[in-house]
């Protein structure tokens, strides 16, 4: 497979971009990688890049967007931060990716058994990590069940995964609320902004459509 060109990027729609990711994840789960020459893609992209999607995911070593969606060099912008939340720098990066560099899709990708989410569930405090976890705490508070405080900890993996999903939903809300540029592009159908969850046990991605 060749790296995306300006011409091939122009043919991409938000829906087609999403389909590309879905197909890539199926290949990943089946251990059937697309036939691509990465060194050739290095040469193909030396004069420019034309990615079709921007993916915000966690720094977790098991959740590399390029791998789980079987994409090559020049295919996606990958933004990674523990807990996959947004701030003004990440929003600015997304605005660059979509408005200036032409990507058609933003995916906020959470994952099961997330360490950052577990830390937020346990209200962990340690150096700068304390401030990071505060960004995820709203998702903990917005997850209604279970009511029993003793069950609202990292030991309850069902609760952890519920918080992870809620964190994705709140992050999507923040993108729309805090980036008029991206919100307007989505409203006009120029881009799609969607949430998803990666299962560390199966390698599968569930999109919230």
Protein backbone atom coordinates (compact mmCIF):
# COMPACT_ATOMS: atom_id res chain seq x y z
CA UNK A 1 0.00 0.00 0.00
CA UNK A 2 1.20 3.47 -0.88
CA UNK A 3 1.19 6.43 1.49
CA UNK A 4 -1.71 8.83 1.09
CA UNK A 5 -1.25 11.62 -1.42
CA UNK A 6 -3.03 14.95 -1.71
CA UNK A 7 -5.21 13.38 -4.38
CA UNK A 8 -6.13 10.27 -2.39
CA UNK A 9 -6.78 12.36 0.75
CA UNK A 10 -9.17 14.52 -1.28
CA UNK A 11 -11.25 11.44 -2.15
CA UNK A 12 -11.70 10.54 1.52
CA UNK A 13 -14.95 11.35 3.30
CA UNK A 14 -15.54 11.10 7.06
CA UNK A 15 -17.52 7.89 6.46
CA UNK A 16 -14.85 6.38 4.22
CA UNK A 17 -12.17 7.31 6.73
CA UNK A 18 -14.07 5.51 9.48
CA UNK A 19 -14.46 2.46 7.24
CA UNK A 20 -10.69 2.43 6.63
CA UNK A 21 -10.10 2.28 10.38
CA UNK A 22 -12.69 -0.46 10.88
CA UNK A 23 -11.15 -2.57 8.15
CA UNK A 24 -7.69 -1.98 9.59
CA UNK A 25 -8.81 -3.15 13.02
CA UNK A 26 -10.29 -6.32 11.51
CA UNK A 27 -6.92 -7.01 9.86
CA UNK A 28 -5.17 -6.38 13.18
CA UNK A 29 -7.44 -8.83 15.01
CA UNK A 30 -6.86 -11.41 12.28
CA UNK A 31 -3.09 -10.81 12.24
CA UNK A 32 -3.29 -9.98 8.53
CA UNK A 33 -1.32 -6.79 7.98
CA UNK A 34 -1.80 -4.81 4.78
CA UNK A 35 1.11 -5.18 2.40
CA UNK A 36 3.09 -1.96 2.73
CA UNK A 37 6.71 -0.98 2.40
CA UNK A 38 7.38 1.43 5.27
CA UNK A 39 10.72 2.59 3.89
CA UNK A 40 9.00 3.36 0.60
CA UNK A 41 6.40 5.33 2.55
CA UNK A 42 9.21 7.31 4.20
CA UNK A 43 10.31 8.35 0.72
CA UNK A 44 6.72 8.96 -0.45
CA UNK A 45 6.02 11.33 2.45
CA UNK A 46 9.33 13.24 2.41
CA UNK A 47 7.71 16.17 0.59
CA UNK A 48 4.47 16.25 2.58
CA UNK A 49 1.88 14.33 4.58
CA UNK A 50 -1.81 13.80 3.86
CA UNK A 51 -3.35 11.78 6.73
CA UNK A 52 -7.07 10.96 6.65
CA UNK A 53 -7.72 10.67 10.42
CA UNK A 54 -6.67 12.09 13.77
CA UNK A 55 -6.73 9.73 16.74
CA UNK A 56 -6.53 10.77 20.38
CA UNK A 57 -5.53 7.77 22.48
CA UNK A 58 -3.84 6.88 25.76
CA UNK A 59 -0.08 6.46 26.17
CA UNK A 60 -0.72 2.82 27.17
CA UNK A 61 1.92 0.67 25.45
CA UNK A 62 -0.75 -1.77 24.26
CA UNK A 63 -2.81 0.85 22.43
CA UNK A 64 -0.76 2.13 19.50
CA UNK A 65 -3.27 3.59 17.03
CA UNK A 66 -1.05 2.83 14.03
CA UNK A 67 -0.93 -0.84 15.02
CA UNK A 68 -4.51 -1.48 16.16
CA UNK A 69 -5.87 0.15 12.99
CA UNK A 70 -3.10 -1.28 10.76
CA UNK A 71 -2.08 2.04 9.27
CA UNK A 72 1.22 3.12 7.78
CA UNK A 73 3.39 6.23 7.70
CA UNK A 74 1.48 9.32 6.70
CA UNK A 75 -1.98 7.80 7.31
CA UNK A 76 -3.00 9.20 10.68
CA UNK A 77 -2.15 11.94 13.14
CA UNK A 78 -1.67 10.24 16.51
CA UNK A 79 -2.17 12.26 19.72
CA UNK A 80 -1.33 10.35 22.90
CA UNK A 81 -1.75 11.34 26.53
CA UNK A 82 -2.55 9.28 29.63
CA UNK A 83 -6.33 9.20 29.97
CA UNK A 84 -6.98 10.47 26.40
CA UNK A 85 -8.46 13.82 27.46
CA UNK A 86 -8.14 17.19 25.72
CA UNK A 87 -6.59 20.51 26.68
CA UNK A 88 -5.99 23.64 24.60
CA UNK A 89 -2.75 22.26 23.15
CA UNK A 90 -4.41 19.03 22.01
CA UNK A 91 -7.40 20.94 20.65
CA UNK A 92 -5.00 23.18 18.75
CA UNK A 93 -3.28 20.11 17.34
CA UNK A 94 -6.63 18.71 16.24
CA UNK A 95 -7.57 22.02 14.62
CA UNK A 96 -4.28 21.97 12.71
CA UNK A 97 -4.87 18.36 11.65
CA UNK A 98 -8.38 18.96 10.35
CA UNK A 99 -8.49 22.57 9.20
CA UNK A 100 -4.99 22.90 7.77
CA UNK A 101 -3.80 19.34 7.07
CA UNK A 102 -7.08 17.93 5.80
CA UNK A 103 -7.98 14.96 8.00
CA UNK A 104 -11.64 13.98 7.81
CA UNK A 105 -12.11 12.10 11.08
CA UNK A 106 -11.33 12.57 14.77
CA UNK A 107 -11.48 9.49 16.99
CA UNK A 108 -11.27 9.70 20.78
CA UNK A 109 -10.05 6.22 21.65
CA UNK A 110 -10.37 4.98 25.23
CA UNK A 111 -9.41 1.49 26.34
CA UNK A 112 -10.34 -1.12 28.92
CA UNK A 113 -8.36 -1.47 32.17
CA UNK A 114 -6.83 1.99 31.70
CA UNK A 115 -4.22 2.83 34.33
CA UNK A 116 -4.97 6.56 34.25
CA UNK A 117 -8.67 5.84 34.76
CA UNK A 118 -7.82 3.50 37.65
CA UNK A 119 -5.76 6.26 39.23
CA UNK A 120 -8.69 8.66 38.95
CA UNK A 121 -11.04 6.06 40.47
CA UNK A 122 -8.69 5.74 43.43
CA UNK A 123 -8.05 9.53 43.63
CA UNK A 124 -4.31 8.85 43.42
CA UNK A 125 -1.89 11.67 44.19
CA UNK A 126 1.74 11.78 43.06
CA UNK A 127 3.64 14.74 41.71
CA UNK A 128 2.38 16.06 38.40
CA UNK A 129 0.22 12.95 38.01
CA UNK A 130 -2.16 14.51 40.54
CA UNK A 131 -3.01 17.33 38.13
CA UNK A 132 -3.43 14.92 35.24
CA UNK A 133 -5.83 12.74 37.20
CA UNK A 134 -7.90 15.80 38.10
CA UNK A 135 -8.72 16.07 34.37
CA UNK A 136 -10.32 12.60 34.49
CA UNK A 137 -12.13 13.00 37.83
CA UNK A 138 -15.28 14.50 36.17
CA UNK A 139 -15.78 11.17 34.40
CA UNK A 140 -15.58 9.34 37.72
CA UNK A 141 -18.14 11.69 39.28
CA UNK A 142 -20.44 11.42 36.24
CA UNK A 143 -20.53 7.62 36.39
CA UNK A 144 -23.60 6.91 38.51
CA UNK A 145 -23.23 3.23 39.28
CA UNK A 146 -22.37 1.56 41.51
CA UNK A 147 -23.56 3.76 44.36
CA UNK A 148 -21.59 1.80 46.97
CA UNK A 149 -18.35 3.76 47.48
CA UNK A 150 -16.45 0.57 48.27
CA UNK A 151 -17.16 -0.60 44.70
CA UNK A 152 -16.04 2.65 43.06
CA UNK A 153 -12.33 1.77 42.98
CA UNK A 154 -9.81 0.37 40.52
CA UNK A 155 -10.47 -3.11 41.87
CA UNK A 156 -13.89 -3.03 40.18
CA UNK A 157 -12.92 -3.36 36.52
CA UNK A 158 -16.51 -2.97 35.37
CA UNK A 159 -16.59 0.43 37.08
CA UNK A 160 -13.19 1.33 35.60
CA UNK A 161 -14.43 0.57 32.08
CA UNK A 162 -17.66 2.51 32.66
CA UNK A 163 -15.60 5.52 33.72
CA UNK A 164 -13.38 5.07 30.64
CA UNK A 165 -16.44 5.20 28.40
CA UNK A 166 -17.80 8.25 30.23
CA UNK A 167 -14.39 9.91 29.87
CA UNK A 168 -14.57 9.43 26.10
CA UNK A 169 -18.08 10.94 26.05
CA UNK A 170 -17.01 13.97 28.11
CA UNK A 171 -13.95 14.45 25.92
CA UNK A 172 -16.16 14.49 22.81
CA UNK A 173 -18.36 17.10 24.51
CA UNK A 174 -15.31 19.24 25.31
CA UNK A 175 -14.10 19.13 21.72
CA UNK A 176 -17.43 20.49 20.53
CA UNK A 177 -17.69 23.06 23.32
CA UNK A 178 -14.12 24.34 23.34
CA UNK A 179 -13.27 24.24 19.63
CA UNK A 180 -15.70 26.28 17.53
CA UNK A 181 -13.54 25.42 14.51
CA UNK A 182 -13.95 21.65 14.88
CA UNK A 183 -17.58 21.93 15.95
CA UNK A 184 -18.39 23.97 12.84
CA UNK A 185 -16.53 21.54 10.57
CA UNK A 186 -18.49 18.64 12.06
CA UNK A 187 -21.77 20.52 11.68
CA UNK A 188 -20.96 21.14 8.02
CA UNK A 189 -20.15 17.47 7.42
CA UNK A 190 -16.50 18.21 6.64
CA UNK A 191 -15.32 15.98 9.46
CA UNK A 192 -16.73 13.39 11.85
CA UNK A 193 -15.90 13.38 15.56
CA UNK A 194 -16.48 9.99 17.13
CA UNK A 195 -15.65 7.98 20.26
CA UNK A 196 -14.38 4.42 20.48
CA UNK A 197 -13.14 1.85 22.98
CA UNK A 198 -10.26 -0.58 22.52
CA UNK A 199 -10.49 -3.93 24.32
CA UNK A 200 -7.04 -4.95 25.55
CA UNK A 201 -8.22 -8.59 25.78
CA UNK A 202 -9.35 -9.02 22.19
CA UNK A 203 -7.69 -6.25 20.18
CA UNK A 204 -11.12 -5.14 18.98
CA UNK A 205 -12.34 -1.55 18.73
CA UNK A 206 -15.97 -0.64 19.37
CA UNK A 207 -17.06 2.66 17.82
CA UNK A 208 -19.77 4.73 19.49
CA UNK A 209 -21.89 5.71 16.50
